[in-house]
Amino acid sequence: MADVQRLLRVPAFAAKNAQGRALPGGAARPTLTIVGEHLTFRPATADESDTLADLFLGVAEQESTRVAMRLYGFRSLEAARPFFRASWRAGENWRDSIVALSAGQIVGVLQTGESSVRLSLRLGLAVIARLGPIHALRLPRRLRVRSRVTPAYPGDAYVIREFHVTPACRGRGFGAEILAYAERDARNRGFDEMAVQVLTSNPAQRAYRRAGFEPVLTLTDPEFLRITGADGNVLLAKHLT
């Protein structure tokens, strides 16, 4: 029973930045559709859960995808996809997601603030069913290893927990517009700083640096490197004043 209780505390993939602190006023979740320069932003809906889970999982060539698959013990994207979809549905991660649309199609997704995955027996059973009991029992230790390379966010920062653009739409400026939306939201809500963490080996660092983020702290761990092939994570921050 103790092992099951530990599994119930395992966050879904979308909540991997669980060290992030709560944002005053809650997550950046508008109640109305917001129209940007080229994109439209609105809250995600339950029937988009699988689509968003696939977007967060990414493609096999993506660095964050490769690391996640090794962390969770999957050998292929096809094997990983049902687990991440089930975790998203069980944890109701879609509730914390803002989708970016172009011509009515989802081209990106943003999550901010502290993880608010709904922990439940359903989520625990989804983890066991998709990973199998042996791998499921190994997972808490692996997540503890990951926590050693998870920087603590500044308590008063606007935290970007997850941010993804569909592979087919990369290179079209959509990522920059989603980041601009996040910055407008942060300024409108009175934040003086934004923060995000990414893998040390993730080329996405370049996008954040172009948007004005600077490295603050890097955490590495030899066991995390052995399991995932990545050194650790870097915390990036941007001052808004």
Protein backbone atom coordinates (compact mmCIF):
# COMPACT_ATOMS: atom_id res chain seq x y z
CA MET A 1 0.00 0.00 0.00
CA ALA A 2 2.88 2.36 0.78
CA ASP A 3 4.26 1.85 -2.74
CA VAL A 4 0.85 2.62 -4.24
CA GLN A 5 0.63 5.80 -2.16
CA ARG A 6 4.04 6.84 -3.45
CA LEU A 7 2.88 6.22 -7.02
CA LEU A 8 -0.10 8.47 -6.43
CA ARG A 9 2.38 11.29 -5.87
CA VAL A 10 4.05 10.72 -9.26
CA PRO A 11 3.22 13.69 -11.49
CA ALA A 12 2.33 13.30 -15.13
CA PHE A 13 4.94 14.29 -17.74
CA ALA A 14 3.39 17.67 -18.27
CA ALA A 15 4.02 18.52 -14.60
CA LYS A 16 7.73 17.72 -14.65
CA ASN A 17 8.62 21.20 -13.26
CA ALA A 18 6.86 20.42 -10.02
CA GLN A 19 9.32 22.47 -7.98
CA GLY A 20 7.74 25.64 -9.37
CA ARG A 21 6.00 27.82 -6.79
CA ALA A 22 2.36 28.85 -7.01
CA LEU A 23 1.61 31.96 -9.01
CA PRO A 24 -0.40 34.62 -7.19
CA GLY A 25 -3.85 34.68 -8.70
CA GLY A 26 -3.55 31.16 -10.12
CA ALA A 27 -2.33 29.92 -13.49
CA ALA A 28 -2.46 32.02 -16.65
CA ARG A 29 -5.86 30.69 -17.73
CA PRO A 30 -8.06 33.30 -19.41
CA THR A 31 -11.80 32.78 -19.32
CA LEU A 32 -12.15 34.36 -22.77
CA THR A 33 -10.39 33.85 -26.07
CA ILE A 34 -7.44 36.23 -26.51
CA VAL A 35 -6.36 37.22 -30.02
CA GLY A 36 -2.67 37.89 -30.59
CA GLU A 37 -0.79 39.15 -33.64
CA HIS A 38 -1.03 35.86 -35.54
CA LEU A 39 -2.32 33.39 -32.94
CA THR A 40 -5.43 32.99 -30.84
CA PHE A 41 -5.16 31.83 -27.21
CA ARG A 42 -7.84 30.06 -25.18
CA PRO A 43 -8.15 27.45 -22.39
CA ALA A 44 -7.81 23.84 -23.48
CA THR A 45 -10.81 21.51 -23.33
CA ALA A 46 -11.13 17.92 -22.10
CA ASP A 47 -11.53 16.49 -25.60
CA GLU A 48 -8.12 17.92 -26.53
CA SER A 49 -6.32 15.96 -23.81
CA ASP A 50 -4.75 13.31 -26.09
CA THR A 51 -3.69 15.93 -28.64
CA LEU A 52 -1.93 17.96 -25.95
CA ALA A 53 -0.33 14.89 -24.38
CA ASP A 54 1.16 14.02 -27.78
CA LEU A 55 2.40 17.59 -28.17
CA PHE A 56 4.07 17.52 -24.75
CA LEU A 57 5.64 14.14 -25.47
CA GLY A 58 7.10 15.45 -28.71
CA VAL A 59 8.93 13.54 -31.43
CA ALA A 60 11.73 10.98 -31.12
CA GLU A 61 14.38 13.44 -32.35
CA GLN A 62 13.49 15.97 -29.62
CA GLU A 63 15.94 16.17 -26.71
CA SER A 64 13.29 16.52 -24.00
CA THR A 65 11.41 13.53 -25.48
CA ARG A 66 14.50 11.35 -25.50
CA VAL A 67 15.28 12.22 -21.88
CA ALA A 68 11.69 11.62 -20.75
CA MET A 69 11.56 8.23 -22.45
CA ARG A 70 14.77 7.12 -20.77
CA LEU A 71 13.64 8.48 -17.41
CA TYR A 72 10.36 6.57 -17.58
CA GLY A 73 11.93 3.46 -19.12
CA PHE A 74 10.32 3.44 -22.58
CA ARG A 75 12.18 2.11 -25.61
CA SER A 76 9.98 3.67 -28.29
CA LEU A 77 7.66 6.61 -28.83
CA GLU A 78 4.84 4.19 -29.66
CA ALA A 79 5.22 2.53 -26.26
CA ALA A 80 5.39 5.86 -24.43
CA ARG A 81 2.41 7.53 -26.07
CA PRO A 82 -0.39 5.50 -24.36
CA PHE A 83 1.21 6.13 -20.95
CA PHE A 84 1.41 9.89 -21.41
CA ARG A 85 -2.11 10.05 -22.78
CA ALA A 86 -3.45 8.03 -19.86
CA SER A 87 -1.51 10.17 -17.37
CA TRP A 88 -2.87 13.36 -18.93
CA ARG A 89 -6.44 12.12 -18.78
CA ALA A 90 -6.13 10.78 -15.23
CA GLY A 91 -4.36 13.93 -13.97
CA GLU A 92 -6.66 16.29 -15.89
CA ASN A 93 -3.62 18.24 -17.09
CA TRP A 94 -5.67 19.89 -19.83
CA ARG A 95 -7.27 22.08 -17.15
CA ASP A 96 -3.98 23.95 -16.68
CA SER A 97 -3.22 24.42 -20.38
CA ILE A 98 -3.57 27.39 -22.71
CA VAL A 99 -3.65 26.44 -26.38
CA ALA A 100 -2.39 28.61 -29.23
CA LEU A 101 -4.31 28.30 -32.48
CA SER A 102 -3.66 29.31 -36.07
CA ALA A 103 -6.54 29.02 -38.56
CA GLY A 104 -8.45 27.10 -35.88
CA GLN A 105 -5.74 24.43 -35.44
CA ILE A 106 -3.66 23.88 -32.29
CA VAL A 107 -0.07 24.91 -32.99
CA GLY A 108 1.23 25.28 -29.44
CA VAL A 109 0.50 24.97 -25.74
CA LEU A 110 1.56 26.83 -22.59
CA GLN A 111 1.40 25.91 -18.91
CA THR A 112 2.41 28.27 -16.11
CA GLY A 113 2.74 28.12 -12.35
CA GLU A 114 2.97 25.26 -9.91
CA SER A 115 1.91 21.78 -10.95
CA SER A 116 -1.72 21.11 -10.09
CA VAL A 117 -2.02 17.54 -11.38
CA ARG A 118 -5.05 15.92 -9.74
CA LEU A 119 -3.60 13.04 -7.72
CA SER A 120 -5.99 10.13 -7.53
CA LEU A 121 -6.26 6.36 -7.45
CA ARG A 122 -7.10 6.56 -11.15
CA LEU A 123 -3.78 8.25 -11.87
CA GLY A 124 -1.86 5.72 -9.77
CA LEU A 125 -3.53 2.81 -11.56
CA ALA A 126 -2.81 4.42 -14.93
CA VAL A 127 0.89 4.57 -14.05
CA ILE A 128 0.94 0.90 -12.99
CA ALA A 129 -1.11 -0.25 -16.00
CA ARG A 130 1.08 1.49 -18.57
CA LEU A 131 4.50 0.92 -17.01
CA GLY A 132 3.91 -2.47 -15.43
CA PRO A 133 4.38 -3.10 -11.70
CA ILE A 134 8.17 -3.52 -11.77
CA HIS A 135 8.88 -0.34 -13.73
CA ALA A 136 6.22 1.52 -11.76
CA LEU A 137 7.94 0.66 -8.48
CA ARG A 138 11.27 1.90 -9.89
CA LEU A 139 9.78 5.20 -10.99
CA PRO A 140 9.69 6.99 -7.59
CA ARG A 141 13.46 6.55 -7.22
CA ARG A 142 14.04 7.91 -10.72
CA LEU A 143 11.85 10.91 -9.98
CA ARG A 144 13.82 11.56 -6.80
CA VAL A 145 16.97 11.57 -8.94
CA ARG A 146 15.28 14.07 -11.26
CA SER A 147 14.40 16.25 -8.28
CA ARG A 148 18.12 16.66 -7.59
CA VAL A 149 18.50 18.52 -10.89
CA THR A 150 15.27 20.51 -10.53
CA PRO A 151 16.08 24.10 -9.48
CA ALA A 152 13.78 25.90 -7.07
CA TYR A 153 12.08 28.85 -8.73
CA PRO A 154 12.17 32.36 -7.21
CA GLY A 155 9.10 32.66 -5.01
CA ASP A 156 7.83 35.79 -6.73
CA ALA A 157 8.46 34.74 -10.33
CA TYR A 158 6.01 34.01 -13.12
CA VAL A 159 6.93 30.39 -13.92
CA ILE A 160 6.68 28.91 -17.38
CA ARG A 161 6.19 25.24 -16.55
CA GLU A 162 5.76 23.88 -20.08
CA PHE A 163 5.81 25.45 -23.53
CA HIS A 164 5.65 23.55 -26.82
CA VAL A 165 5.04 24.22 -30.51
CA THR A 166 3.91 21.44 -32.87
CA PRO A 167 6.87 20.12 -34.89
CA ALA A 168 5.23 21.01 -38.23
CA CYS A 169 4.84 24.66 -37.14
CA ARG A 170 8.31 25.34 -35.79
CA GLY A 171 10.38 28.02 -37.46
CA ARG A 172 7.35 30.20 -38.20
CA GLY A 173 7.63 32.56 -35.24
CA PHE A 174 4.84 30.93 -33.24
CA GLY A 175 7.14 30.13 -30.31
CA ALA A 176 8.15 33.78 -30.02
CA GLU A 177 4.49 34.84 -30.05
CA ILE A 178 3.57 32.34 -27.31
CA LEU A 179 6.43 33.67 -25.19
CA ALA A 180 5.24 37.21 -25.89
CA TYR A 181 1.76 36.20 -24.71
CA ALA A 182 3.26 34.80 -21.50
CA GLU A 183 5.21 37.99 -20.90
CA ARG A 184 2.13 40.17 -21.43
CA ASP A 185 0.24 38.00 -18.98
CA ALA A 186 3.06 38.28 -16.43
CA ARG A 187 3.22 42.07 -16.74
CA ASN A 188 -0.56 42.43 -16.58
CA ARG A 189 -0.60 40.48 -13.33
CA GLY A 190 2.15 42.54 -11.73
CA PHE A 191 5.12 40.15 -11.88
CA ASP A 192 8.63 41.55 -11.93
CA GLU A 193 10.36 38.37 -13.08
CA MET A 194 9.77 35.30 -15.26
CA ALA A 195 11.51 31.95 -14.86
CA VAL A 196 11.78 28.66 -16.72
CA GLN A 197 13.96 25.56 -16.51
CA VAL A 198 15.21 23.46 -19.41
CA LEU A 199 17.62 20.58 -19.87
CA THR A 200 21.25 21.65 -20.14
CA SER A 201 21.38 19.89 -23.52
CA ASN A 202 18.08 21.31 -24.84
CA PRO A 203 18.49 23.65 -27.84
CA ALA A 204 15.28 25.43 -26.71
CA GLN A 205 17.58 27.50 -24.49
CA ARG A 206 18.32 29.62 -27.57
CA ALA A 207 14.68 30.66 -27.92
CA TYR A 208 14.53 31.79 -24.30
CA ARG A 209 17.82 33.67 -24.60
CA ARG A 210 16.54 35.49 -27.68
CA ALA A 211 13.52 36.50 -25.61
CA GLY A 212 15.76 38.02 -22.94
CA PHE A 213 16.15 35.14 -20.45
CA GLU A 214 19.52 34.64 -18.78
CA PRO A 215 20.94 31.55 -16.98
CA VAL A 216 20.73 31.78 -13.19
CA LEU A 217 21.56 28.30 -11.89
CA THR A 218 22.64 24.95 -13.34
CA LEU A 219 22.17 21.66 -11.48
CA THR A 220 23.77 18.41 -12.64
CA ASP A 221 23.85 14.89 -11.22
CA PRO A 222 25.87 11.82 -12.34
CA GLU A 223 22.99 9.40 -11.76
CA PHE A 224 20.62 11.58 -13.78
CA LEU A 225 23.24 11.60 -16.54
CA ARG A 226 23.55 7.81 -16.38
CA ILE A 227 19.78 7.30 -16.64
CA THR A 228 18.90 9.96 -19.20
CA GLY A 229 22.10 10.94 -21.00
CA ALA A 230 21.58 14.59 -19.97
CA ASP A 231 23.68 16.41 -17.36
CA GLY A 232 20.77 18.19 -15.65
CA ASN A 233 18.75 21.40 -15.88
CA VAL A 234 19.43 25.11 -16.13
CA LEU A 235 17.21 27.77 -14.57
CA LEU A 236 16.68 30.82 -16.79
CA ALA A 237 15.12 34.10 -15.66
CA LYS A 238 14.06 37.40 -17.15
CA HIS A 239 13.53 40.62 -15.21
CA LEU A 240 10.55 42.68 -16.35
CA THR A 241 11.42 45.96 -14.66
